[in-house]
Amino acid sequence: MAGLVAAVGLLLVLALGCSSKAIQTASDSSTEPGVSKEPRVSEQDLLGKSPSAPGQGRQSKDIAVAKVEPSDAARRHAEDIRRERVATAIAGIEDVFFGFDSWNISDEGKHALEVDAQWLKSNPEKMVTIEGHCDERGTQAYNLVLGEKRAKAVRNYLTELGVGTGGLTVTSYGKERPFCEGHDETCYQQNRRGHMTLRVR
């Protein structure tokens, strides 16, 4: 009986020793000394985006600088417009006003153009833009055509008075650039005009 107990005890000791060695071997096979068992996470995974291509950071800075340029151009354009208005006012050039849906020049408008023609003939080197404007009624397309007719009517009358056509340019803004923002006849009358500006650029 004592021999049987001793044999069973020996078997248990051998079994525990093998189990411990197997566990240690499995652990050693999956882990190197000094290496974390957790999976590696790269900076790319943390940032959630691919690494920048060479020069990409520089390109972004260049784009940011380029976006400033339109505002600079807009400021220069606004300054040019201001200078043109000042020069036109100093010259005493007057606008011509029109009736509703009309491009016929009134007697008052003809008188204004006669004064303008005298100045333009005395300053033949000056370049003038004649703008056709309309009130807000009607479609955009219709008013662009109407504005062009008004600008051409002003140009034609000036040439009849002896002004050379070489310095006269015609354009139409239709209802897109109102001089008065109201929505009544008082403003409509101000917006139906042939407006002249001296080009200083």
N, C-alpha and C. Protein backbone atom coordinates (compact mmCIF):
# COMPACT_ATOMS: atom_id res chain seq x y z
N MET A 1 0.84 -1.20 0.00
CA MET A 1 0.00 0.00 0.00
C MET A 1 0.86 1.24 0.00
N ALA A 2 1.91 1.20 0.82
CA ALA A 2 2.83 2.34 0.88
C ALA A 2 3.52 2.53 -0.44
N GLY A 3 3.85 1.44 -1.14
CA GLY A 3 4.49 1.54 -2.45
C GLY A 3 3.58 2.17 -3.48
N LEU A 4 2.27 1.86 -3.39
CA LEU A 4 1.30 2.43 -4.34
C LEU A 4 1.18 3.93 -4.16
N VAL A 5 1.14 4.39 -2.90
CA VAL A 5 1.03 5.84 -2.61
C VAL A 5 2.25 6.56 -3.11
N ALA A 6 3.44 5.94 -2.93
CA ALA A 6 4.68 6.57 -3.39
C ALA A 6 4.69 6.69 -4.90
N ALA A 7 4.18 5.67 -5.60
CA ALA A 7 4.15 5.70 -7.06
C ALA A 7 3.24 6.80 -7.57
N VAL A 8 2.05 6.92 -6.92
CA VAL A 8 1.09 7.97 -7.33
C VAL A 8 1.69 9.33 -7.10
N GLY A 9 2.37 9.53 -5.99
CA GLY A 9 2.99 10.83 -5.70
C GLY A 9 4.05 11.18 -6.72
N LEU A 10 4.84 10.18 -7.13
CA LEU A 10 5.87 10.43 -8.13
C LEU A 10 5.28 10.85 -9.46
N LEU A 11 4.16 10.20 -9.84
CA LEU A 11 3.49 10.56 -11.10
C LEU A 11 2.98 12.00 -11.07
N LEU A 12 2.41 12.44 -9.92
CA LEU A 12 1.89 13.81 -9.79
C LEU A 12 3.01 14.83 -9.93
N VAL A 13 4.16 14.54 -9.30
CA VAL A 13 5.29 15.48 -9.38
C VAL A 13 5.77 15.61 -10.82
N LEU A 14 5.87 14.49 -11.52
CA LEU A 14 6.31 14.52 -12.92
C LEU A 14 5.33 15.29 -13.80
N ALA A 15 4.02 15.09 -13.54
CA ALA A 15 2.99 15.77 -14.34
C ALA A 15 3.05 17.27 -14.15
N LEU A 16 3.19 17.75 -12.92
CA LEU A 16 3.26 19.20 -12.64
C LEU A 16 4.50 19.81 -13.27
N GLY A 17 5.60 19.10 -13.23
CA GLY A 17 6.83 19.62 -13.82
C GLY A 17 6.71 19.79 -15.31
N CYS A 18 6.12 18.85 -16.01
CA CYS A 18 5.93 18.95 -17.47
C CYS A 18 5.00 20.09 -17.83
N SER A 19 3.91 20.25 -17.03
CA SER A 19 2.93 21.32 -17.30
C SER A 19 3.58 22.67 -17.18
N SER A 20 4.41 22.87 -16.13
CA SER A 20 5.08 24.16 -15.91
C SER A 20 6.03 24.46 -17.05
N LYS A 21 6.76 23.44 -17.53
CA LYS A 21 7.69 23.65 -18.63
C LYS A 21 6.97 23.99 -19.91
N ALA A 22 5.81 23.35 -20.14
CA ALA A 22 5.04 23.62 -21.35
C ALA A 22 4.53 25.04 -21.37
N ILE A 23 4.05 25.53 -20.21
CA ILE A 23 3.53 26.90 -20.13
C ILE A 23 4.65 27.90 -20.37
N GLN A 24 5.82 27.62 -19.75
CA GLN A 24 6.95 28.53 -19.91
C GLN A 24 7.42 28.55 -21.36
N THR A 25 7.43 27.40 -22.03
CA THR A 25 7.87 27.32 -23.42
C THR A 25 6.94 28.09 -24.33
N ALA A 26 5.62 27.98 -24.11
CA ALA A 26 4.65 28.69 -24.93
C ALA A 26 4.81 30.18 -24.78
N SER A 27 5.06 30.63 -23.55
CA SER A 27 5.24 32.06 -23.29
C SER A 27 6.50 32.57 -23.97
N ASP A 28 7.59 31.80 -23.88
CA ASP A 28 8.85 32.22 -24.47
C ASP A 28 8.77 32.30 -25.98
N SER A 29 7.97 31.42 -26.62
CA SER A 29 7.91 31.40 -28.07
C SER A 29 7.17 32.59 -28.63
N SER A 30 6.31 33.27 -27.85
CA SER A 30 5.51 34.38 -28.38
C SER A 30 6.07 35.74 -28.01
N THR A 31 7.05 35.78 -27.11
CA THR A 31 7.52 37.07 -26.63
C THR A 31 9.02 37.09 -26.57
N GLU A 32 9.64 38.14 -27.13
CA GLU A 32 11.07 38.31 -27.03
C GLU A 32 11.36 39.18 -25.82
N PRO A 33 12.55 39.02 -25.23
CA PRO A 33 12.89 39.83 -24.06
C PRO A 33 12.88 41.32 -24.41
N GLY A 34 12.22 42.12 -23.58
CA GLY A 34 12.20 43.57 -23.77
C GLY A 34 11.23 44.06 -24.80
N VAL A 35 10.39 43.20 -25.39
CA VAL A 35 9.43 43.60 -26.43
C VAL A 35 8.03 43.51 -25.87
N SER A 36 7.23 44.61 -26.02
CA SER A 36 5.86 44.62 -25.50
C SER A 36 5.00 43.66 -26.28
N LYS A 37 4.08 43.01 -25.57
CA LYS A 37 3.17 42.07 -26.23
C LYS A 37 2.03 42.79 -26.93
N GLU A 38 1.81 44.11 -26.64
CA GLU A 38 0.71 44.83 -27.28
C GLU A 38 1.09 45.20 -28.71
N PRO A 39 0.11 45.21 -29.65
CA PRO A 39 0.42 45.53 -31.06
C PRO A 39 0.91 46.96 -31.19
N ARG A 40 1.85 47.18 -32.11
CA ARG A 40 2.39 48.51 -32.32
C ARG A 40 1.37 49.38 -33.07
N VAL A 41 1.31 50.66 -32.67
CA VAL A 41 0.43 51.64 -33.34
C VAL A 41 1.31 52.75 -33.87
N SER A 42 1.29 52.95 -35.17
CA SER A 42 2.15 53.97 -35.78
C SER A 42 1.53 55.35 -35.64
N GLU A 43 2.36 56.39 -35.86
CA GLU A 43 1.84 57.76 -35.85
C GLU A 43 0.79 57.95 -36.94
N GLN A 44 0.99 57.24 -38.03
CA GLN A 44 0.02 57.33 -39.12
C GLN A 44 -1.36 56.87 -38.67
N ASP A 45 -1.40 55.74 -37.86
CA ASP A 45 -2.69 55.24 -37.36
C ASP A 45 -3.31 56.23 -36.39
N LEU A 46 -2.48 56.85 -35.53
CA LEU A 46 -3.01 57.80 -34.56
C LEU A 46 -3.57 59.04 -35.23
N LEU A 47 -2.88 59.51 -36.26
CA LEU A 47 -3.34 60.73 -36.95
C LEU A 47 -4.50 60.48 -37.88
N GLY A 48 -4.64 59.23 -38.32
CA GLY A 48 -5.76 58.89 -39.18
C GLY A 48 -5.60 59.41 -40.59
N LYS A 49 -4.34 59.63 -41.04
CA LYS A 49 -4.14 60.12 -42.39
C LYS A 49 -2.79 59.65 -42.87
N SER A 50 -2.60 59.67 -44.19
CA SER A 50 -1.35 59.24 -44.77
C SER A 50 -0.32 60.32 -44.60
N PRO A 51 0.95 59.95 -44.57
CA PRO A 51 2.01 60.95 -44.41
C PRO A 51 2.03 61.91 -45.58
N SER A 52 2.43 63.15 -45.32
CA SER A 52 2.45 64.17 -46.37
C SER A 52 3.52 63.83 -47.38
N ALA A 53 3.19 64.09 -48.63
CA ALA A 53 4.18 63.92 -49.68
C ALA A 53 5.21 65.03 -49.57
N PRO A 54 6.41 64.82 -50.11
CA PRO A 54 7.44 65.86 -50.04
C PRO A 54 6.95 67.16 -50.64
N GLY A 55 7.11 68.25 -49.91
CA GLY A 55 6.70 69.56 -50.40
C GLY A 55 5.25 69.89 -50.16
N GLN A 56 4.48 68.95 -49.58
CA GLN A 56 3.05 69.21 -49.38
C GLN A 56 2.83 70.33 -48.38
N GLY A 57 3.62 70.36 -47.30
CA GLY A 57 3.48 71.44 -46.33
C GLY A 57 3.80 72.78 -46.95
N ARG A 58 4.82 72.82 -47.78
CA ARG A 58 5.20 74.05 -48.46
C ARG A 58 4.10 74.48 -49.41
N GLN A 59 3.50 73.52 -50.10
CA GLN A 59 2.43 73.83 -51.03
C GLN A 59 1.24 74.44 -50.32
N SER A 60 0.89 73.91 -49.14
CA SER A 60 -0.23 74.45 -48.38
C SER A 60 0.03 75.89 -48.00
N LYS A 61 1.26 76.21 -47.62
CA LYS A 61 1.59 77.59 -47.29
C LYS A 61 1.46 78.49 -48.51
N ASP A 62 1.90 77.98 -49.67
CA ASP A 62 1.80 78.77 -50.89
C ASP A 62 0.35 79.06 -51.23
N ILE A 63 -0.53 78.06 -51.04
CA ILE A 63 -1.94 78.25 -51.32
C ILE A 63 -2.53 79.29 -50.39
N ALA A 64 -2.14 79.24 -49.12
CA ALA A 64 -2.66 80.21 -48.16
C ALA A 64 -2.26 81.62 -48.56
N VAL A 65 -1.05 81.78 -49.06
CA VAL A 65 -0.61 83.11 -49.50
C VAL A 65 -1.37 83.53 -50.74
N ALA A 66 -1.62 82.60 -51.66
CA ALA A 66 -2.31 82.93 -52.90
C ALA A 66 -3.73 83.41 -52.64
N LYS A 67 -4.35 82.90 -51.56
CA LYS A 67 -5.72 83.29 -51.28
C LYS A 67 -5.82 84.76 -50.89
N VAL A 68 -4.71 85.35 -50.50
CA VAL A 68 -4.73 86.77 -50.12
C VAL A 68 -4.76 87.65 -51.35
N GLU A 69 -4.24 87.15 -52.47
CA GLU A 69 -4.11 87.97 -53.67
C GLU A 69 -5.43 88.52 -54.20
N PRO A 70 -6.54 87.73 -54.26
CA PRO A 70 -7.79 88.32 -54.75
C PRO A 70 -8.24 89.52 -53.94
N SER A 71 -8.07 89.48 -52.63
CA SER A 71 -8.48 90.62 -51.82
C SER A 71 -7.61 91.83 -52.12
N ASP A 72 -6.32 91.61 -52.39
CA ASP A 72 -5.46 92.71 -52.79
C ASP A 72 -5.92 93.29 -54.12
N ALA A 73 -6.27 92.41 -55.05
CA ALA A 73 -6.76 92.88 -56.35
C ALA A 73 -8.06 93.65 -56.19
N ALA A 74 -8.91 93.17 -55.28
CA ALA A 74 -10.18 93.87 -55.05
C ALA A 74 -9.95 95.25 -54.47
N ARG A 75 -8.97 95.36 -53.58
CA ARG A 75 -8.66 96.67 -53.01
C ARG A 75 -8.12 97.62 -54.08
N ARG A 76 -7.27 97.09 -54.95
CA ARG A 76 -6.74 97.93 -56.03
C ARG A 76 -7.85 98.37 -56.97
N HIS A 77 -8.77 97.44 -57.26
CA HIS A 77 -9.90 97.78 -58.14
C HIS A 77 -10.77 98.86 -57.51
N ALA A 78 -11.04 98.73 -56.22
CA ALA A 78 -11.85 99.74 -55.53
C ALA A 78 -11.16 101.10 -55.54
N GLU A 79 -9.84 101.09 -55.39
CA GLU A 79 -9.09 102.35 -55.42
C GLU A 79 -9.13 102.97 -56.81
N ASP A 80 -9.05 102.14 -57.85
CA ASP A 80 -9.15 102.64 -59.22
C ASP A 80 -10.51 103.29 -59.46
N ILE A 81 -11.57 102.63 -58.98
CA ILE A 81 -12.91 103.18 -59.15
C ILE A 81 -13.03 104.52 -58.44
N ARG A 82 -12.48 104.59 -57.23
CA ARG A 82 -12.54 105.85 -56.48
C ARG A 82 -11.82 106.97 -57.24
N ARG A 83 -10.65 106.67 -57.78
CA ARG A 83 -9.89 107.67 -58.52
C ARG A 83 -10.64 108.11 -59.77
N GLU A 84 -11.29 107.16 -60.44
CA GLU A 84 -12.05 107.51 -61.64
C GLU A 84 -13.22 108.43 -61.30
N ARG A 85 -13.89 108.14 -60.20
CA ARG A 85 -15.02 108.98 -59.80
C ARG A 85 -14.56 110.39 -59.46
N VAL A 86 -13.42 110.48 -58.78
CA VAL A 86 -12.89 111.80 -58.43
C VAL A 86 -12.52 112.57 -59.70
N ALA A 87 -11.83 111.90 -60.63
CA ALA A 87 -11.44 112.56 -61.88
C ALA A 87 -12.65 112.99 -62.68
N THR A 88 -13.69 112.16 -62.71
CA THR A 88 -14.91 112.49 -63.44
C THR A 88 -15.60 113.69 -62.83
N ALA A 89 -15.65 113.72 -61.49
CA ALA A 89 -16.29 114.85 -60.81
C ALA A 89 -15.52 116.14 -61.04
N ILE A 90 -14.20 116.07 -61.01
CA ILE A 90 -13.38 117.26 -61.24
C ILE A 90 -13.59 117.80 -62.65
N ALA A 91 -13.72 116.88 -63.61
CA ALA A 91 -13.93 117.30 -65.00
C ALA A 91 -15.32 117.88 -65.22
N GLY A 92 -16.23 117.63 -64.31
CA GLY A 92 -17.59 118.14 -64.44
C GLY A 92 -18.45 117.38 -65.44
N ILE A 93 -18.09 116.14 -65.72
CA ILE A 93 -18.86 115.33 -66.66
C ILE A 93 -20.16 114.89 -66.00
N GLU A 94 -21.27 115.09 -66.72
CA GLU A 94 -22.59 114.81 -66.16
C GLU A 94 -23.18 113.53 -66.75
N ASP A 95 -24.05 112.91 -65.97
CA ASP A 95 -24.76 111.72 -66.43
C ASP A 95 -26.03 112.12 -67.19
N VAL A 96 -26.56 111.14 -67.92
CA VAL A 96 -27.80 111.32 -68.66
C VAL A 96 -28.84 110.37 -68.08
N PHE A 97 -30.04 110.88 -67.81
CA PHE A 97 -31.10 110.06 -67.20
C PHE A 97 -32.18 109.75 -68.24
N PHE A 98 -32.77 108.57 -68.08
CA PHE A 98 -33.74 108.07 -69.06
C PHE A 98 -35.09 107.81 -68.42
N GLY A 99 -36.12 107.79 -69.28
CA GLY A 99 -37.45 107.41 -68.84
C GLY A 99 -37.56 105.91 -68.71
N PHE A 100 -38.67 105.45 -68.17
CA PHE A 100 -38.88 104.02 -67.96
C PHE A 100 -38.88 103.27 -69.29
N ASP A 101 -38.09 102.22 -69.37
CA ASP A 101 -38.01 101.34 -70.54
C ASP A 101 -37.68 102.13 -71.81
N SER A 102 -36.86 103.14 -71.68
CA SER A 102 -36.54 104.00 -72.83
C SER A 102 -35.04 104.24 -72.91
N TRP A 103 -34.56 104.45 -74.13
CA TRP A 103 -33.18 104.85 -74.36
C TRP A 103 -33.11 106.14 -75.18
N ASN A 104 -34.25 106.84 -75.25
CA ASN A 104 -34.29 108.13 -75.93
C ASN A 104 -33.72 109.22 -75.01
N ILE A 105 -32.88 110.07 -75.57
CA ILE A 105 -32.25 111.13 -74.77
C ILE A 105 -33.18 112.33 -74.72
N SER A 106 -33.48 112.77 -73.52
CA SER A 106 -34.37 113.93 -73.33
C SER A 106 -33.62 115.22 -73.64
N ASP A 107 -34.37 116.33 -73.70
CA ASP A 107 -33.73 117.63 -73.93
C ASP A 107 -32.74 117.95 -72.82
N GLU A 108 -33.11 117.62 -71.60
CA GLU A 108 -32.20 117.84 -70.47
C GLU A 108 -30.93 117.01 -70.63
N GLY A 109 -31.10 115.77 -71.09
CA GLY A 109 -29.95 114.91 -71.31
C GLY A 109 -29.05 115.43 -72.43
N LYS A 110 -29.66 115.96 -73.48
CA LYS A 110 -28.87 116.52 -74.58
C LYS A 110 -28.05 117.71 -74.11
N HIS A 111 -28.63 118.53 -73.26
CA HIS A 111 -27.89 119.68 -72.74
C HIS A 111 -26.69 119.21 -71.91
N ALA A 112 -26.88 118.18 -71.09
CA ALA A 112 -25.77 117.65 -70.30
C ALA A 112 -24.67 117.10 -71.21
N LEU A 113 -25.05 116.43 -72.28
CA LEU A 113 -24.05 115.87 -73.19
C LEU A 113 -23.32 116.95 -73.98
N GLU A 114 -23.99 118.05 -74.24
CA GLU A 114 -23.31 119.15 -74.93
C GLU A 114 -22.18 119.72 -74.06
N VAL A 115 -22.44 119.80 -72.76
CA VAL A 115 -21.40 120.24 -71.83
C VAL A 115 -20.27 119.21 -71.78
N ASP A 116 -20.64 117.94 -71.73
CA ASP A 116 -19.63 116.87 -71.71
C ASP A 116 -18.78 116.89 -72.97
N ALA A 117 -19.44 117.11 -74.11
CA ALA A 117 -18.73 117.09 -75.39
C ALA A 117 -17.68 118.19 -75.46
N GLN A 118 -17.99 119.35 -74.93
CA GLN A 118 -17.02 120.45 -74.94
C GLN A 118 -15.75 120.06 -74.17
N TRP A 119 -15.93 119.44 -73.03
CA TRP A 119 -14.77 119.04 -72.23
C TRP A 119 -13.98 117.95 -72.94
N LEU A 120 -14.69 116.97 -73.50
CA LEU A 120 -14.01 115.85 -74.15
C LEU A 120 -13.24 116.30 -75.39
N LYS A 121 -13.79 117.24 -76.13
CA LYS A 121 -13.07 117.75 -77.31
C LYS A 121 -11.85 118.56 -76.92
N SER A 122 -11.91 119.16 -75.74
CA SER A 122 -10.75 119.91 -75.24
C SER A 122 -9.69 118.99 -74.65
N ASN A 123 -10.06 117.76 -74.37
CA ASN A 123 -9.14 116.78 -73.78
C ASN A 123 -9.22 115.47 -74.57
N PRO A 124 -8.81 115.50 -75.83
CA PRO A 124 -8.99 114.32 -76.70
C PRO A 124 -8.18 113.10 -76.26
N GLU A 125 -7.19 113.30 -75.40
CA GLU A 125 -6.38 112.16 -74.95
C GLU A 125 -7.08 111.35 -73.87
N LYS A 126 -8.15 111.87 -73.31
CA LYS A 126 -8.85 111.19 -72.23
C LYS A 126 -9.71 110.04 -72.77
N MET A 127 -9.73 108.95 -71.98
CA MET A 127 -10.53 107.77 -72.32
C MET A 127 -11.74 107.73 -71.40
N VAL A 128 -12.91 107.48 -72.00
CA VAL A 128 -14.16 107.52 -71.24
C VAL A 128 -14.92 106.21 -71.41
N THR A 129 -15.43 105.69 -70.31
CA THR A 129 -16.33 104.53 -70.35
C THR A 129 -17.75 105.01 -70.14
N ILE A 130 -18.64 104.65 -71.05
CA ILE A 130 -20.06 105.01 -70.94
C ILE A 130 -20.80 103.77 -70.45
N GLU A 131 -21.39 103.85 -69.26
CA GLU A 131 -22.08 102.72 -68.65
C GLU A 131 -23.59 102.90 -68.77
N GLY A 132 -24.26 101.85 -69.22
CA GLY A 132 -25.72 101.86 -69.25
C GLY A 132 -26.29 101.19 -68.01
N HIS A 133 -27.19 101.88 -67.31
CA HIS A 133 -27.77 101.37 -66.06
C HIS A 133 -29.30 101.39 -66.15
N CYS A 134 -29.93 100.50 -65.38
CA CYS A 134 -31.39 100.37 -65.36
C CYS A 134 -31.89 100.25 -63.93
N ASP A 135 -33.22 100.42 -63.76
CA ASP A 135 -33.78 100.15 -62.44
C ASP A 135 -34.01 98.66 -62.29
N GLU A 136 -34.52 98.24 -61.15
CA GLU A 136 -34.57 96.82 -60.81
C GLU A 136 -35.69 96.05 -61.50
N ARG A 137 -36.61 96.74 -62.14
CA ARG A 137 -37.73 96.05 -62.77
C ARG A 137 -37.29 95.40 -64.08
N GLY A 138 -37.84 94.22 -64.35
CA GLY A 138 -37.45 93.48 -65.54
C GLY A 138 -36.37 92.45 -65.22
N THR A 139 -36.16 91.55 -66.16
CA THR A 139 -35.17 90.48 -65.96
C THR A 139 -33.75 91.02 -66.13
N GLN A 140 -32.82 90.24 -65.65
CA GLN A 140 -31.42 90.64 -65.77
C GLN A 140 -31.02 90.74 -67.24
N ALA A 141 -31.40 89.75 -68.03
CA ALA A 141 -31.03 89.74 -69.45
C ALA A 141 -31.63 90.93 -70.18
N TYR A 142 -32.91 91.23 -69.91
CA TYR A 142 -33.57 92.35 -70.58
C TYR A 142 -32.88 93.66 -70.24
N ASN A 143 -32.55 93.85 -68.97
CA ASN A 143 -31.93 95.10 -68.55
C ASN A 143 -30.50 95.25 -69.05
N LEU A 144 -29.80 94.16 -69.25
CA LEU A 144 -28.47 94.26 -69.85
C LEU A 144 -28.56 94.80 -71.27
N VAL A 145 -29.55 94.33 -72.02
CA VAL A 145 -29.75 94.83 -73.38
C VAL A 145 -30.18 96.29 -73.36
N LEU A 146 -31.12 96.62 -72.47
CA LEU A 146 -31.60 98.00 -72.35
C LEU A 146 -30.46 98.94 -71.94
N GLY A 147 -29.64 98.50 -71.00
CA GLY A 147 -28.50 99.32 -70.59
C GLY A 147 -27.52 99.57 -71.72
N GLU A 148 -27.31 98.56 -72.56
CA GLU A 148 -26.42 98.73 -73.71
C GLU A 148 -26.99 99.75 -74.69
N LYS A 149 -28.30 99.70 -74.91
CA LYS A 149 -28.93 100.67 -75.82
C LYS A 149 -28.76 102.09 -75.29
N ARG A 150 -28.89 102.26 -73.99
CA ARG A 150 -28.73 103.59 -73.39
C ARG A 150 -27.29 104.08 -73.54
N ALA A 151 -26.34 103.21 -73.28
CA ALA A 151 -24.93 103.61 -73.41
C ALA A 151 -24.59 103.97 -74.85
N LYS A 152 -25.10 103.21 -75.79
CA LYS A 152 -24.84 103.50 -77.21
C LYS A 152 -25.51 104.79 -77.64
N ALA A 153 -26.70 105.08 -77.09
CA ALA A 153 -27.38 106.33 -77.42
C ALA A 153 -26.54 107.52 -76.98
N VAL A 154 -25.93 107.41 -75.80
CA VAL A 154 -25.06 108.48 -75.30
C VAL A 154 -23.83 108.62 -76.20
N ARG A 155 -23.21 107.51 -76.54
CA ARG A 155 -22.03 107.56 -77.40
C ARG A 155 -22.36 108.18 -78.75
N ASN A 156 -23.47 107.76 -79.34
CA ASN A 156 -23.84 108.27 -80.67
C ASN A 156 -24.08 109.77 -80.65
N TYR A 157 -24.71 110.25 -79.60
CA TYR A 157 -24.98 111.69 -79.53
C TYR A 157 -23.68 112.47 -79.34
N LEU A 158 -22.77 111.93 -78.56
CA LEU A 158 -21.47 112.59 -78.39
C LEU A 158 -20.70 112.66 -79.71
N THR A 159 -20.75 111.61 -80.49
CA THR A 159 -20.05 111.64 -81.78
C THR A 159 -20.72 112.64 -82.73
N GLU A 160 -22.04 112.79 -82.64
CA GLU A 160 -22.72 113.80 -83.45
C GLU A 160 -22.24 115.21 -83.09
N LEU A 161 -21.84 115.36 -81.83
CA LEU A 161 -21.35 116.66 -81.36
C LEU A 161 -19.86 116.85 -81.63
N GLY A 162 -19.24 115.88 -82.28
CA GLY A 162 -17.85 116.03 -82.69
C GLY A 162 -16.82 115.34 -81.81
N VAL A 163 -17.26 114.52 -80.87
CA VAL A 163 -16.32 113.78 -80.02
C VAL A 163 -15.83 112.55 -80.78
N GLY A 164 -14.53 112.31 -80.79
CA GLY A 164 -13.99 111.15 -81.47
C GLY A 164 -14.39 109.84 -80.79
N THR A 165 -14.66 108.82 -81.58
CA THR A 165 -15.11 107.54 -81.03
C THR A 165 -13.97 106.73 -80.43
N GLY A 166 -12.72 107.08 -80.77
CA GLY A 166 -11.59 106.29 -80.30
C GLY A 166 -11.45 106.24 -78.79
N GLY A 167 -11.87 107.30 -78.11
CA GLY A 167 -11.74 107.33 -76.66
C GLY A 167 -12.98 106.92 -75.91
N LEU A 168 -14.01 106.45 -76.62
CA LEU A 168 -15.28 106.10 -75.99
C LEU A 168 -15.48 104.60 -75.97
N THR A 169 -15.73 104.05 -74.81
CA THR A 169 -16.02 102.62 -74.64
C THR A 169 -17.41 102.46 -74.04
N VAL A 170 -18.15 101.50 -74.56
CA VAL A 170 -19.53 101.27 -74.12
C VAL A 170 -19.62 99.97 -73.34
N THR A 171 -20.34 99.99 -72.22
CA THR A 171 -20.62 98.77 -71.46
C THR A 171 -21.98 98.88 -70.80
N SER A 172 -22.54 97.75 -70.39
CA SER A 172 -23.85 97.75 -69.74
C SER A 172 -23.79 96.94 -68.45
N TYR A 173 -24.35 97.50 -67.39
CA TYR A 173 -24.47 96.79 -66.12
C TYR A 173 -25.91 96.43 -65.81
N GLY A 174 -26.84 96.81 -66.69
CA GLY A 174 -28.24 96.48 -66.43
C GLY A 174 -28.68 97.02 -65.09
N LYS A 175 -29.24 96.12 -64.28
CA LYS A 175 -29.71 96.52 -62.95
C LYS A 175 -28.75 96.07 -61.84
N GLU A 176 -27.56 95.63 -62.21
CA GLU A 176 -26.65 95.01 -61.25
C GLU A 176 -25.89 96.01 -60.37
N ARG A 177 -25.80 97.26 -60.77
CA ARG A 177 -25.05 98.25 -59.99
C ARG A 177 -25.90 99.50 -59.75
N PRO A 178 -26.92 99.38 -58.94
CA PRO A 178 -27.80 100.54 -58.70
C PRO A 178 -27.09 101.66 -57.96
N PHE A 179 -27.41 102.88 -58.30
CA PHE A 179 -26.89 104.04 -57.59
C PHE A 179 -27.72 104.32 -56.35
N CYS A 180 -28.97 103.88 -56.37
CA CYS A 180 -29.89 104.07 -55.25
C CYS A 180 -30.49 102.71 -54.90
N GLU A 181 -30.51 102.35 -53.62
CA GLU A 181 -30.93 101.02 -53.19
C GLU A 181 -32.42 100.93 -52.86
N GLY A 182 -33.15 102.02 -52.96
CA GLY A 182 -34.57 101.99 -52.61
C GLY A 182 -35.40 101.28 -53.66
N HIS A 183 -36.67 101.07 -53.34
CA HIS A 183 -37.58 100.35 -54.23
C HIS A 183 -38.79 101.22 -54.57
N ASP A 184 -38.52 102.47 -54.91
CA ASP A 184 -39.59 103.39 -55.29
C ASP A 184 -39.15 104.19 -56.51
N GLU A 185 -40.07 104.98 -57.04
CA GLU A 185 -39.80 105.70 -58.28
C GLU A 185 -38.66 106.69 -58.14
N THR A 186 -38.49 107.25 -56.96
CA THR A 186 -37.39 108.20 -56.75
C THR A 186 -36.05 107.53 -57.03
N CYS A 187 -35.88 106.32 -56.52
CA CYS A 187 -34.64 105.58 -56.77
C CYS A 187 -34.58 105.06 -58.20
N TYR A 188 -35.72 104.64 -58.72
CA TYR A 188 -35.73 104.14 -60.10
C TYR A 188 -35.22 105.20 -61.07
N GLN A 189 -35.61 106.45 -60.85
CA GLN A 189 -35.16 107.54 -61.73
C GLN A 189 -33.65 107.72 -61.65
N GLN A 190 -33.08 107.55 -60.46
CA GLN A 190 -31.64 107.69 -60.30
C GLN A 190 -30.86 106.55 -60.97
N ASN A 191 -31.50 105.39 -61.07
CA ASN A 191 -30.81 104.22 -61.60
C ASN A 191 -30.92 104.07 -63.11
N ARG A 192 -31.85 104.79 -63.74
CA ARG A 192 -31.98 104.73 -65.20
C ARG A 192 -31.08 105.81 -65.80
N ARG A 193 -29.86 105.45 -66.09
CA ARG A 193 -28.92 106.48 -66.52
C ARG A 193 -27.83 105.95 -67.45
N GLY A 194 -27.23 106.90 -68.15
CA GLY A 194 -25.98 106.67 -68.85
C GLY A 194 -24.89 107.35 -68.05
N HIS A 195 -24.04 106.57 -67.44
CA HIS A 195 -23.03 107.09 -66.52
C HIS A 195 -21.66 107.05 -67.19
N MET A 196 -20.94 108.16 -67.13
CA MET A 196 -19.62 108.23 -67.75
C MET A 196 -18.53 108.37 -66.70
N THR A 197 -17.44 107.65 -66.91
CA THR A 197 -16.29 107.73 -66.01
C THR A 197 -15.02 107.89 -66.84
N LEU A 198 -14.11 108.71 -66.34
CA LEU A 198 -12.80 108.85 -66.97
C LEU A 198 -11.92 107.69 -66.53
N ARG A 199 -11.30 107.03 -67.47
CA ARG A 199 -10.41 105.92 -67.13
C ARG A 199 -9.04 106.48 -66.77
N VAL A 200 -8.58 106.11 -65.58
CA VAL A 200 -7.30 106.62 -65.09
C VAL A 200 -6.28 105.50 -64.93
N ARG A 201 -6.63 104.26 -65.24
CA ARG A 201 -5.71 103.14 -65.06
C ARG A 201 -4.78 103.01 -66.25
